[in-house]
Amino acid sequence: MTPAAITPSFWMSTRRSFAAAMRRDGFGIIALVVLALVILGPLYSVVLWAFAERWQYPSLIPTQFGLSFWEQTFARADIQRALPFSIVLASVVTLLSAVICLPASYAFARIKFRGRQALLLSFLATNAFPRFGLYVSIAVIFFRLNLIGTVPGVILIQLVNTLLLMIWIPTAAFQGIDRSLEEAALDVGASPLRVFIQITLPMVMPALSAALLLTFVNTFYEAQGALIVGLPRVVTMPVLMYSLINSQLVVQYGAIVSFVLWMPSLLLLLVANRLLRGGYLTAGFGV
């Protein structure tokens, strides 16, 4: 439509359509706009600061863009130590959580025992209350066990955060399997181990993969427990981010690290979303 074709009647029709939409879905539209501002506003600032060479008030965008701060950021010795360490630490915690929680989730799904649902719901405790108080209580115990400032101490406290995802999602997945397929394989002579490997495991693999990815992302970005238990000798990337954001005069350092860490987590969450069918997490309430 050309500017000449925009008539007063067009603007009147547009205003009437907008007014009708606001009357019909006004609250939803306002909530969507506020949510977009709350979520996209900080991301807008982080992305711009990551590529900004110069940005001064009152300009809404940087006056000069460049990549010089990227080289300075990744030349820092603390980042070169913390980034690979955090990746390895998150991988170790995810692996240990899988070894501990997956057999437990299979038992929750297949074995009937008294107090099963109450025990399953108890894993919500770490998420139902402020974690900082829980971490302080754990830190007191760890202090007596000489685990403060050690890698095993950080691993143990981060395992607490993995219980909900690594128990509930696999439990619901195992429970959702059609047992008749397993029984048919057993009837024709297959061993229980073979049935589990060739029938059960492939059917739950998408949910297990999603649980592993979500656990890795959640562990990689965990900061409070690692801060309380790990300092001063164990410094993960999220803990280092506190100093980069709060104590550095160079804003670009924190923005660049935030941007670099945000992109892989976004991709992993998108993959997990495709693997995880709806209802796996909430299905745990019905176990």
Foldseek 3Di string as FASTA:
>chain_A
DDPVPCDPVNVVVVVVVVVVCCVVCVVVVVVVVVVCCVVVVVVVVLVQLLFAPAQDPPDPGHPDGHHPVVVVLVVDPVCVVFAVVLLVLLVVLLVVLLVPALVVLLCLQPPDDPCSLVVLCVLCVCVVDDVLVVLVVVLVVCVVVVQFQHSVQLSVVLNSVLNLLSRQLSNLQLNPDDCVVLVVCVVVPDDPVCSCVPPVCVSSVLSNLLSSLVSSLSSSQDASNCVSRNPPNRAHPNVVLCCQCPPDPSNNSSSNSCVVSVVVNVVSNVSSVVSDDPDRSVCSNVD
